[in-house]
N, C-alpha and C. Protein backbone atom coordinates (compact mmCIF):
# COMPACT_ATOMS: atom_id res chain seq x y z
N UNK A 1 17.01 -18.46 -10.05
CA UNK A 1 15.77 -18.71 -9.53
C UNK A 1 15.65 -18.39 -8.03
N UNK A 2 16.60 -18.87 -7.23
CA UNK A 2 16.61 -18.65 -6.05
C UNK A 2 16.52 -17.15 -5.66
N UNK A 3 17.28 -16.22 -6.38
CA UNK A 3 17.42 -14.80 -5.99
C UNK A 3 15.85 -14.25 -6.32
N UNK A 4 15.25 -14.86 -7.46
CA UNK A 4 13.96 -14.23 -7.90
C UNK A 4 12.98 -14.58 -6.86
N UNK A 5 13.00 -15.85 -6.28
CA UNK A 5 12.23 -16.17 -4.99
C UNK A 5 12.54 -15.41 -3.89
N UNK A 6 13.59 -14.92 -3.61
CA UNK A 6 14.10 -14.06 -2.50
C UNK A 6 13.25 -12.62 -2.63
N UNK A 7 13.31 -12.08 -3.98
CA UNK A 7 12.68 -10.83 -4.07
C UNK A 7 11.21 -10.89 -3.66
N UNK A 8 10.46 -12.07 -4.36
CA UNK A 8 9.03 -12.25 -4.25
C UNK A 8 8.72 -12.62 -2.75
N UNK A 9 9.58 -13.29 -1.98
CA UNK A 9 9.37 -13.42 -0.64
C UNK A 9 9.55 -12.11 0.24
N UNK A 10 10.38 -11.25 -0.16
CA UNK A 10 10.48 -9.81 0.42
C UNK A 10 9.43 -9.07 0.16
N UNK A 11 8.77 -9.21 -1.00
CA UNK A 11 7.48 -8.47 -1.20
C UNK A 11 6.18 -8.64 -0.34
N UNK A 12 6.12 -10.03 0.14
CA UNK A 12 5.03 -10.63 0.72
C UNK A 12 3.87 -10.34 -0.14
N UNK A 13 3.87 -11.20 -1.16
CA UNK A 13 2.39 -10.74 -2.10
C UNK A 13 1.18 -10.85 -1.53
N UNK A 14 0.91 -11.75 -0.60
CA UNK A 14 -0.59 -11.95 0.04
C UNK A 14 -0.60 -10.42 0.68
N UNK A 15 -0.03 -9.87 1.28
CA UNK A 15 0.00 -8.41 1.92
C UNK A 15 -0.45 -7.54 0.79
N UNK A 16 0.19 -7.61 -0.40
CA UNK A 16 0.27 -6.64 -1.31
C UNK A 16 -1.01 -6.72 -2.00
N UNK A 17 -1.58 -7.82 -2.19
CA UNK A 17 -2.84 -8.25 -2.75
C UNK A 17 -4.01 -7.79 -1.83
N UNK A 18 -3.75 -7.89 -0.56
CA UNK A 18 -4.84 -7.29 0.30
C UNK A 18 -4.91 -5.74 0.17
N UNK A 19 -3.65 -5.26 0.03
CA UNK A 19 -3.55 -3.60 -0.05
C UNK A 19 -4.34 -3.33 -1.40
N UNK A 20 -3.97 -3.92 -2.35
CA UNK A 20 -4.78 -3.64 -3.60
C UNK A 20 -6.19 -3.85 -3.62
N UNK A 21 -6.72 -4.84 -2.91
CA UNK A 21 -8.10 -5.10 -2.67
C UNK A 21 -8.71 -3.84 -1.78
N UNK A 22 -8.08 -3.48 -0.93
CA UNK A 22 -8.57 -2.30 -0.05
C UNK A 22 -8.62 -1.01 -1.02
N UNK A 23 -7.84 -0.94 -1.86
CA UNK A 23 -7.94 0.22 -2.89
C UNK A 23 -9.26 0.01 -3.62
N UNK A 24 -9.41 -1.21 -4.04
CA UNK A 24 -10.49 -1.62 -5.01
C UNK A 24 -11.85 -1.39 -4.22
N UNK A 25 -11.89 -1.83 -2.93
CA UNK A 25 -13.16 -1.57 -2.12
C UNK A 25 -13.33 0.11 -2.00
N UNK A 26 -12.34 0.87 -1.75
CA UNK A 26 -12.47 2.18 -1.76
C UNK A 26 -13.12 2.82 -3.04
N UNK A 27 -12.57 2.12 -3.97
CA UNK A 27 -13.33 2.79 -5.34
C UNK A 27 -14.63 2.31 -5.59
N UNK A 28 -14.86 1.25 -5.08
CA UNK A 28 -16.34 0.74 -5.30
C UNK A 28 -17.26 1.55 -4.47
N UNK A 29 -17.01 1.66 -3.19
CA UNK A 29 -17.59 2.31 -2.20
C UNK A 29 -17.95 3.76 -2.75
N UNK A 30 -16.84 4.38 -3.09
CA UNK A 30 -16.99 5.86 -3.71
C UNK A 30 -17.97 5.87 -5.14
N UNK A 31 -18.04 4.73 -5.64
CA UNK A 31 -18.84 4.77 -6.92
C UNK A 31 -20.39 4.51 -6.86
N UNK A 32 -20.61 3.82 -5.79
CA UNK A 32 -22.02 3.47 -5.59
C UNK A 32 -22.93 4.43 -5.14
N UNK A 33 -23.97 4.81 -5.85
CA UNK A 33 -24.88 5.91 -5.56
C UNK A 33 -26.19 5.14 -5.31
N UNK A 34 -26.90 5.25 -4.06
CA UNK A 34 -27.92 4.41 -3.76
C UNK A 34 -29.14 4.68 -4.67
N UNK A 35 -29.25 5.70 -5.31
CA UNK A 35 -30.38 6.00 -6.10
C UNK A 35 -30.42 5.34 -7.60
N UNK A 36 -29.31 4.90 -7.79
CA UNK A 36 -29.07 4.32 -9.26
C UNK A 36 -28.79 2.91 -9.20
N UNK A 37 -29.07 2.24 -10.37
CA UNK A 37 -28.82 0.76 -10.30
C UNK A 37 -27.44 0.37 -10.24
N UNK A 38 -27.08 -0.44 -9.48
CA UNK A 38 -25.60 -0.87 -9.13
C UNK A 38 -24.94 -1.33 -10.37
N UNK A 39 -25.58 -2.14 -11.32
CA UNK A 39 -24.93 -2.65 -12.32
C UNK A 39 -24.59 -1.67 -13.38
N UNK A 40 -25.46 -0.76 -13.48
CA UNK A 40 -25.15 0.37 -14.33
C UNK A 40 -23.99 1.33 -13.72
N UNK A 41 -23.99 1.38 -12.53
CA UNK A 41 -22.78 2.10 -11.93
C UNK A 41 -21.64 1.46 -12.23
N UNK A 42 -21.47 0.18 -11.99
CA UNK A 42 -20.40 -0.84 -12.12
C UNK A 42 -19.73 -0.69 -13.53
N UNK A 43 -20.80 -0.73 -14.47
CA UNK A 43 -20.41 -0.82 -15.77
C UNK A 43 -19.83 0.47 -16.32
N UNK A 44 -20.21 1.62 -15.64
CA UNK A 44 -19.57 3.00 -16.11
C UNK A 44 -18.32 3.40 -15.45
N UNK A 45 -17.71 2.55 -14.55
CA UNK A 45 -16.76 2.88 -13.77
C UNK A 45 -15.29 2.82 -14.91
N UNK A 46 -14.36 3.77 -14.37
CA UNK A 46 -13.05 3.78 -15.24
C UNK A 46 -12.15 2.57 -14.67
N UNK A 47 -12.38 1.38 -15.11
CA UNK A 47 -11.78 0.20 -14.85
C UNK A 47 -10.16 0.27 -14.79
N UNK A 48 -9.64 1.02 -15.77
CA UNK A 48 -8.37 1.22 -16.05
C UNK A 48 -7.73 2.12 -14.71
N UNK A 49 -8.46 2.98 -14.28
CA UNK A 49 -8.06 3.79 -13.04
C UNK A 49 -8.05 3.02 -11.85
N UNK A 50 -8.95 2.13 -11.75
CA UNK A 50 -9.09 1.36 -10.70
C UNK A 50 -7.93 0.08 -10.60
N UNK A 51 -7.72 -0.23 -11.85
CA UNK A 51 -6.70 -1.26 -12.02
C UNK A 51 -5.05 -0.47 -11.57
N UNK A 52 -5.07 0.74 -12.03
CA UNK A 52 -3.82 1.32 -11.77
C UNK A 52 -3.74 1.63 -10.27
N UNK A 53 -4.88 2.00 -9.49
CA UNK A 53 -4.86 2.19 -8.18
C UNK A 53 -4.49 0.86 -7.35
N UNK A 54 -4.96 -0.31 -7.88
CA UNK A 54 -4.74 -1.59 -7.45
C UNK A 54 -3.24 -1.61 -7.42
N UNK A 55 -2.67 -1.54 -8.69
CA UNK A 55 -1.17 -1.80 -8.66
C UNK A 55 -0.39 -0.72 -7.95
N UNK A 56 -0.78 0.42 -7.72
CA UNK A 56 -0.17 1.36 -7.01
C UNK A 56 -0.23 0.87 -5.47
N UNK A 57 -1.25 0.33 -4.95
CA UNK A 57 -1.30 -0.09 -3.76
C UNK A 57 -0.39 -1.32 -3.46
N UNK A 58 -0.40 -2.30 -4.50
CA UNK A 58 0.41 -3.36 -4.42
C UNK A 58 1.87 -3.18 -4.54
N UNK A 59 2.30 -2.30 -5.43
CA UNK A 59 3.69 -1.96 -5.35
C UNK A 59 4.20 -0.98 -4.32
N UNK A 60 3.39 -0.28 -3.73
CA UNK A 60 3.77 0.36 -2.47
C UNK A 60 3.79 -0.41 -1.29
N UNK A 61 2.92 -1.35 -1.19
CA UNK A 61 2.87 -2.31 -0.18
C UNK A 61 4.19 -3.14 -0.21
N UNK A 62 4.46 -3.74 -1.31
CA UNK A 62 5.61 -4.37 -1.56
C UNK A 62 6.86 -3.73 -1.11
N UNK A 63 6.94 -2.40 -1.64
CA UNK A 63 8.19 -1.57 -1.16
C UNK A 63 8.21 -1.37 0.36
N UNK A 64 7.07 -1.10 0.96
CA UNK A 64 7.09 -1.05 2.37
C UNK A 64 7.48 -2.37 3.06
N UNK A 65 7.22 -3.49 2.41
CA UNK A 65 7.67 -4.83 3.08
C UNK A 65 9.20 -4.99 3.12
N UNK A 66 9.76 -4.51 1.82
CA UNK A 66 11.08 -4.55 1.59
C UNK A 66 11.95 -3.62 2.37
N UNK A 67 11.40 -2.35 2.71
CA UNK A 67 11.98 -1.38 3.61
C UNK A 67 12.01 -2.05 4.85
N UNK A 68 10.85 -2.65 5.40
CA UNK A 68 10.90 -3.26 6.74
C UNK A 68 11.96 -4.39 6.78
N UNK A 69 12.12 -5.10 5.81
CA UNK A 69 13.05 -6.10 5.96
C UNK A 69 14.55 -5.67 5.98
N UNK A 70 14.59 -4.54 5.22
CA UNK A 70 15.94 -4.07 5.06
C UNK A 70 16.33 -3.20 6.48
N UNK A 71 15.45 -2.50 7.12
CA UNK A 71 15.53 -2.00 8.44
C UNK A 71 15.75 -2.84 9.55
N UNK A 72 15.01 -4.09 9.37
CA UNK A 72 15.06 -4.94 10.30
C UNK A 72 16.33 -6.15 10.19
N UNK A 73 16.86 -5.99 9.26
CA UNK A 73 17.84 -7.05 8.79
C UNK A 73 18.71 -7.68 10.01
N UNK A 74 19.26 -6.56 10.90
CA UNK A 74 20.12 -7.20 12.05
C UNK A 74 19.24 -8.08 13.00
N UNK A 75 18.03 -7.48 13.41
CA UNK A 75 17.16 -8.25 14.34
C UNK A 75 16.75 -9.66 13.59
N UNK A 76 16.37 -9.50 12.28
CA UNK A 76 16.04 -10.72 11.59
C UNK A 76 17.17 -11.76 11.47
N UNK A 77 18.44 -11.35 11.65
CA UNK A 77 19.60 -12.19 11.47
C UNK A 77 19.58 -13.13 12.73
N UNK A 78 18.94 -12.66 13.89
CA UNK A 78 18.92 -13.51 15.04
C UNK A 78 17.39 -14.39 15.00
N UNK A 79 16.33 -13.43 14.77
CA UNK A 79 15.02 -13.98 14.97
C UNK A 79 14.58 -14.79 13.80
N UNK A 80 14.77 -14.32 12.60
CA UNK A 80 14.40 -14.87 11.19
C UNK A 80 15.41 -15.19 10.33
N UNK A 81 16.49 -15.88 10.68
CA UNK A 81 17.75 -16.04 9.76
C UNK A 81 17.39 -16.54 8.33
N UNK A 82 16.27 -16.93 8.06
CA UNK A 82 15.90 -17.77 6.87
C UNK A 82 15.28 -16.58 5.83
N UNK A 83 15.15 -15.46 6.33
CA UNK A 83 14.43 -14.37 5.40
C UNK A 83 15.57 -13.98 4.39
N UNK A 84 14.96 -13.48 3.23
CA UNK A 84 15.89 -13.36 2.25
C UNK A 84 17.27 -12.47 2.47
N UNK A 85 17.14 -11.44 3.33
CA UNK A 85 18.35 -10.49 3.56
C UNK A 85 19.30 -11.27 4.47
N UNK A 86 18.76 -11.65 5.74
CA UNK A 86 19.68 -12.23 6.58
C UNK A 86 20.35 -13.48 6.05
N UNK A 87 19.58 -14.21 5.15
CA UNK A 87 20.19 -15.60 4.80
C UNK A 87 21.13 -15.43 3.58
N UNK A 88 21.25 -14.18 2.98
CA UNK A 88 22.33 -13.73 1.93
C UNK A 88 21.76 -14.10 0.54
N UNK A 89 20.30 -14.34 0.42
CA UNK A 89 19.88 -14.51 -0.86
C UNK A 89 19.71 -13.08 -1.52
N UNK A 90 19.41 -12.09 -0.78
CA UNK A 90 19.31 -10.89 -1.36
C UNK A 90 20.27 -10.01 -0.59
N UNK A 91 21.15 -9.15 -1.10
CA UNK A 91 22.04 -8.35 -0.56
C UNK A 91 21.20 -6.95 -0.03
N UNK A 92 21.63 -6.41 1.05
CA UNK A 92 20.94 -5.26 1.36
C UNK A 92 20.84 -4.03 0.30
N UNK A 93 22.04 -3.95 -0.42
CA UNK A 93 21.80 -2.85 -1.52
C UNK A 93 20.91 -3.30 -2.59
N UNK A 94 20.80 -4.64 -2.92
CA UNK A 94 19.86 -5.08 -3.90
C UNK A 94 18.48 -5.06 -3.50
N UNK A 95 18.22 -5.16 -2.02
CA UNK A 95 16.80 -4.72 -1.60
C UNK A 95 16.36 -3.20 -1.46
N UNK A 96 17.47 -2.27 -1.53
CA UNK A 96 17.27 -0.96 -1.49
C UNK A 96 16.96 -0.57 -3.03
N UNK A 97 17.66 -1.26 -4.00
CA UNK A 97 17.53 -1.08 -5.47
C UNK A 97 16.13 -1.39 -5.91
N UNK A 98 15.58 -2.65 -5.07
CA UNK A 98 14.29 -3.03 -5.44
C UNK A 98 13.18 -2.10 -4.99
N UNK A 99 13.58 -1.56 -3.64
CA UNK A 99 12.35 -0.48 -3.30
C UNK A 99 12.30 0.43 -4.15
N UNK A 100 13.54 1.02 -4.71
CA UNK A 100 13.59 2.09 -5.82
C UNK A 100 12.66 1.73 -7.11
N UNK A 101 12.83 0.52 -7.43
CA UNK A 101 12.10 -0.12 -8.63
C UNK A 101 10.44 -0.10 -8.34
N UNK A 102 10.18 -0.45 -7.15
CA UNK A 102 8.70 -0.68 -6.76
C UNK A 102 8.14 0.62 -6.61
N UNK A 103 8.98 1.49 -6.10
CA UNK A 103 8.33 2.97 -5.76
C UNK A 103 8.06 3.58 -7.03
N UNK A 104 9.03 3.50 -8.07
CA UNK A 104 8.90 4.03 -9.15
C UNK A 104 7.67 3.47 -9.97
N UNK A 105 7.45 2.32 -9.94
CA UNK A 105 6.43 1.75 -10.68
C UNK A 105 5.16 2.19 -10.00
N UNK A 106 5.04 2.30 -8.56
CA UNK A 106 3.78 2.68 -8.05
C UNK A 106 3.59 4.26 -8.24
N UNK A 107 4.57 4.95 -8.37
CA UNK A 107 4.43 6.49 -8.76
C UNK A 107 3.91 6.62 -10.13
N UNK A 108 4.45 5.81 -11.05
CA UNK A 108 3.96 5.68 -12.48
C UNK A 108 2.49 5.65 -12.43
N UNK A 109 2.16 4.37 -12.00
CA UNK A 109 0.69 4.07 -12.01
C UNK A 109 -0.20 5.18 -11.22
N UNK A 110 0.32 5.88 -10.14
CA UNK A 110 -0.41 6.70 -9.47
C UNK A 110 -0.72 8.02 -10.35
N UNK A 111 0.46 8.44 -10.95
CA UNK A 111 0.43 9.50 -12.00
C UNK A 111 -0.34 9.28 -13.11
N UNK A 112 -0.58 8.15 -13.59
CA UNK A 112 -1.42 7.74 -14.60
C UNK A 112 -2.96 8.06 -14.26
N UNK A 113 -3.34 7.98 -13.03
CA UNK A 113 -4.70 8.19 -12.66
C UNK A 113 -4.84 9.73 -12.55
N UNK A 114 -4.08 10.45 -11.63
CA UNK A 114 -4.30 11.92 -11.46
C UNK A 114 -3.30 12.46 -10.50
N UNK A 115 -3.08 13.66 -10.45
CA UNK A 115 -2.21 14.33 -9.51
C UNK A 115 -2.36 14.11 -8.10
N UNK A 116 -3.56 14.07 -7.75
CA UNK A 116 -3.94 13.90 -6.44
C UNK A 116 -3.55 12.52 -5.85
N UNK A 117 -3.82 11.62 -6.77
CA UNK A 117 -3.31 10.26 -6.47
C UNK A 117 -1.79 10.09 -6.36
N UNK A 118 -0.98 10.94 -7.10
CA UNK A 118 0.32 11.00 -6.82
C UNK A 118 0.62 11.52 -5.68
N UNK A 119 0.11 12.57 -5.26
CA UNK A 119 0.34 13.12 -3.95
C UNK A 119 0.01 12.35 -2.74
N UNK A 120 -1.10 11.72 -2.74
CA UNK A 120 -1.51 10.88 -1.76
C UNK A 120 -0.66 9.51 -1.67
N UNK A 121 -0.26 9.08 -2.76
CA UNK A 121 0.68 7.81 -2.82
C UNK A 121 2.07 8.25 -2.30
N UNK A 122 2.48 9.52 -2.41
CA UNK A 122 3.78 9.86 -1.97
C UNK A 122 3.69 10.13 -0.44
N UNK A 123 2.52 10.68 0.09
CA UNK A 123 2.24 10.77 1.40
C UNK A 123 2.19 9.46 2.19
N UNK A 124 1.63 8.40 1.55
CA UNK A 124 1.46 7.14 2.04
C UNK A 124 2.78 6.41 2.28
N UNK A 125 3.54 6.64 1.25
CA UNK A 125 4.96 5.91 1.30
C UNK A 125 5.79 6.53 2.45
N UNK A 126 5.66 8.11 2.50
CA UNK A 126 6.33 8.75 3.61
C UNK A 126 5.97 8.30 4.93
N UNK A 127 4.62 8.11 5.14
CA UNK A 127 3.92 7.63 6.44
C UNK A 127 4.47 6.11 6.79
N UNK A 128 4.44 5.37 5.79
CA UNK A 128 5.02 3.90 5.94
C UNK A 128 6.32 3.96 6.35
N UNK A 129 7.19 4.81 5.62
CA UNK A 129 8.63 4.86 5.96
C UNK A 129 8.91 5.40 7.37
N UNK A 130 8.23 6.27 7.68
CA UNK A 130 8.18 6.89 9.03
C UNK A 130 8.04 5.84 10.18
N UNK A 131 6.71 5.00 9.87
CA UNK A 131 6.40 3.88 10.73
C UNK A 131 7.68 3.12 11.00
N UNK A 132 8.16 2.38 9.78
CA UNK A 132 9.19 1.40 9.78
C UNK A 132 10.44 2.01 10.54
N UNK A 133 10.97 3.30 10.27
CA UNK A 133 12.11 3.65 10.82
C UNK A 133 11.95 4.16 12.23
N UNK A 134 10.91 4.80 12.59
CA UNK A 134 10.75 5.51 13.79
C UNK A 134 9.61 4.94 14.70
N UNK A 135 8.37 4.99 13.99
CA UNK A 135 7.27 4.67 14.70
C UNK A 135 7.19 3.38 15.38
N UNK A 136 7.75 2.25 14.66
CA UNK A 136 7.54 0.93 15.35
C UNK A 136 8.03 0.65 16.77
N UNK A 137 8.85 1.75 17.06
CA UNK A 137 9.22 1.60 18.55
C UNK A 137 8.79 2.70 19.43
N UNK A 138 7.86 3.43 18.88
CA UNK A 138 7.40 4.62 19.78
C UNK A 138 6.05 4.37 20.39
N UNK A 139 5.51 3.08 20.41
CA UNK A 139 4.28 3.05 21.15
C UNK A 139 3.03 3.74 20.47
N UNK A 140 2.16 4.41 21.21
CA UNK A 140 1.10 5.02 20.59
C UNK A 140 1.27 5.86 19.34
N UNK A 141 2.22 6.78 19.16
CA UNK A 141 2.41 7.41 18.00
C UNK A 141 2.72 6.34 16.89
N UNK A 142 3.35 5.16 17.10
CA UNK A 142 3.36 4.29 16.00
C UNK A 142 2.00 3.59 15.52
N UNK A 143 1.16 3.41 16.64
CA UNK A 143 -0.20 2.69 16.40
C UNK A 143 -0.87 3.70 15.58
N UNK A 144 -0.73 5.04 15.83
CA UNK A 144 -1.38 6.08 14.88
C UNK A 144 -1.00 5.95 13.55
N UNK A 145 0.33 5.70 13.28
CA UNK A 145 0.88 5.72 11.90
C UNK A 145 0.18 4.43 11.39
N UNK A 146 0.30 3.15 11.91
CA UNK A 146 -0.29 1.99 11.44
C UNK A 146 -1.74 2.27 11.14
N UNK A 147 -2.56 2.93 11.80
CA UNK A 147 -3.91 3.19 11.56
C UNK A 147 -4.25 4.07 10.40
N UNK A 148 -3.38 4.97 10.13
CA UNK A 148 -3.36 5.84 9.01
C UNK A 148 -3.07 4.88 7.70
N UNK A 149 -2.04 3.98 7.80
CA UNK A 149 -1.54 3.03 6.78
C UNK A 149 -2.79 2.26 6.36
N UNK A 150 -3.56 1.83 7.34
CA UNK A 150 -4.66 0.89 7.25
C UNK A 150 -5.92 1.67 6.34
N UNK A 151 -6.11 2.87 6.84
CA UNK A 151 -7.16 3.59 6.35
C UNK A 151 -7.06 4.21 4.86
N UNK A 152 -5.79 4.55 4.64
CA UNK A 152 -5.36 5.21 3.19
C UNK A 152 -5.81 4.58 2.07
N UNK A 153 -5.69 3.18 1.98
CA UNK A 153 -5.93 2.53 0.69
C UNK A 153 -7.41 2.92 0.21
N UNK A 154 -8.39 2.96 1.28
CA UNK A 154 -9.81 3.20 0.85
C UNK A 154 -9.88 4.70 0.43
N UNK A 155 -9.25 5.51 0.84
CA UNK A 155 -9.40 6.82 0.65
C UNK A 155 -8.68 6.84 -0.91
N UNK A 156 -7.58 6.33 -1.10
CA UNK A 156 -7.08 6.36 -2.34
C UNK A 156 -7.83 5.76 -3.47
N UNK A 157 -8.50 4.70 -3.05
CA UNK A 157 -9.47 4.02 -3.86
C UNK A 157 -10.63 5.00 -4.49
N UNK A 158 -11.20 5.82 -3.55
CA UNK A 158 -12.10 6.73 -3.69
C UNK A 158 -11.59 7.69 -4.75
N UNK A 159 -10.41 8.29 -4.69
CA UNK A 159 -9.74 9.31 -5.52
C UNK A 159 -9.50 8.77 -6.88
N UNK A 160 -9.20 7.52 -7.00
CA UNK A 160 -9.04 6.89 -8.26
C UNK A 160 -10.24 7.00 -9.26
N UNK A 161 -11.44 7.06 -8.58
CA UNK A 161 -12.64 6.85 -9.37
C UNK A 161 -13.37 8.23 -9.49
N UNK A 162 -13.27 9.05 -8.25
CA UNK A 162 -14.19 10.27 -8.38
C UNK A 162 -13.36 11.58 -8.11
N UNK A 163 -12.01 11.34 -7.87
CA UNK A 163 -11.15 12.56 -7.76
C UNK A 163 -11.18 13.24 -6.44
N UNK A 164 -11.93 12.69 -5.27
CA UNK A 164 -12.09 13.15 -4.09
C UNK A 164 -12.48 12.20 -3.25
N UNK A 165 -12.86 12.30 -1.94
CA UNK A 165 -13.00 11.21 -0.94
C UNK A 165 -14.65 11.44 -0.60
N UNK A 166 -15.46 10.57 -1.02
CA UNK A 166 -16.82 10.41 -0.65
C UNK A 166 -17.20 10.26 0.69
N UNK A 167 -18.22 10.83 1.31
CA UNK A 167 -18.53 10.66 2.62
C UNK A 167 -18.48 9.15 3.26
N UNK A 168 -19.14 8.34 2.36
CA UNK A 168 -19.19 7.01 2.69
C UNK A 168 -17.82 6.36 2.95
N UNK A 169 -16.96 6.79 1.99
CA UNK A 169 -15.60 6.25 2.30
C UNK A 169 -14.80 6.96 3.26
N UNK A 170 -15.14 8.03 3.69
CA UNK A 170 -14.40 8.65 4.86
C UNK A 170 -14.86 7.78 6.13
N UNK A 171 -16.20 7.49 6.21
CA UNK A 171 -16.72 6.71 7.37
C UNK A 171 -16.17 5.20 7.17
N UNK A 172 -15.95 4.81 6.22
CA UNK A 172 -15.38 3.40 6.14
C UNK A 172 -13.99 3.35 6.59
N UNK A 173 -13.09 4.37 6.05
CA UNK A 173 -11.90 4.72 6.35
C UNK A 173 -11.70 4.89 7.82
N UNK A 174 -12.70 5.70 8.42
CA UNK A 174 -12.45 5.99 9.75
C UNK A 174 -12.73 4.77 10.51
N UNK A 175 -13.55 3.93 10.15
CA UNK A 175 -13.82 2.68 11.07
C UNK A 175 -12.61 1.80 11.01
N UNK A 176 -11.90 1.73 9.74
CA UNK A 176 -10.63 1.01 9.72
C UNK A 176 -9.55 1.54 10.57
N UNK A 177 -9.47 2.87 10.37
CA UNK A 177 -8.58 3.52 11.42
C UNK A 177 -8.74 3.34 12.94
N UNK A 178 -9.99 3.47 13.32
CA UNK A 178 -10.18 3.31 14.66
C UNK A 178 -10.13 1.79 14.98
N UNK A 179 -10.22 0.94 14.25
CA UNK A 179 -10.34 -0.54 14.68
C UNK A 179 -8.82 -0.84 14.80
N UNK A 180 -7.79 -0.28 14.06
CA UNK A 180 -6.51 -0.44 14.28
C UNK A 180 -5.76 0.39 15.45
N UNK A 181 -6.52 1.26 15.88
CA UNK A 181 -5.91 2.19 16.85
C UNK A 181 -5.53 1.46 18.21
């Protein structure tokens, strides 16, 4: 049970839920047409795709959290020795295997929606990994990568329901991007 708790702690579930909610917000924003009744629009949504989008965001965020802890394990051994990897609850190779499982699950959900979701999910994971491994210590370029990571779930949510990015979602994602810049 201690190991399971370590894996859950590595994921940082609250962050993952927030990422899933951002995908959900993007989907809802993309779906609302001002000239139609909102209830009718919400009833006609493909909720399964929205659920898959939420789960993609959740699992990719979890993978990013685990990659971060893997990459920072030596620093965490000094600053955060009770975290799962430095404390020995989770071995580094187990954390990497967990990243693989989480990523595979996320890619599966993305692929169930459409191919563009799969491509955006892959790009998102690559951007996140770049930030964790290089961007974190790069100053302004790292801030740029974080801003992309904050904006992309809204874009992804739009793609899950309409297959493209609506103008209102572009504006919303741009505000999220600029707020974190």
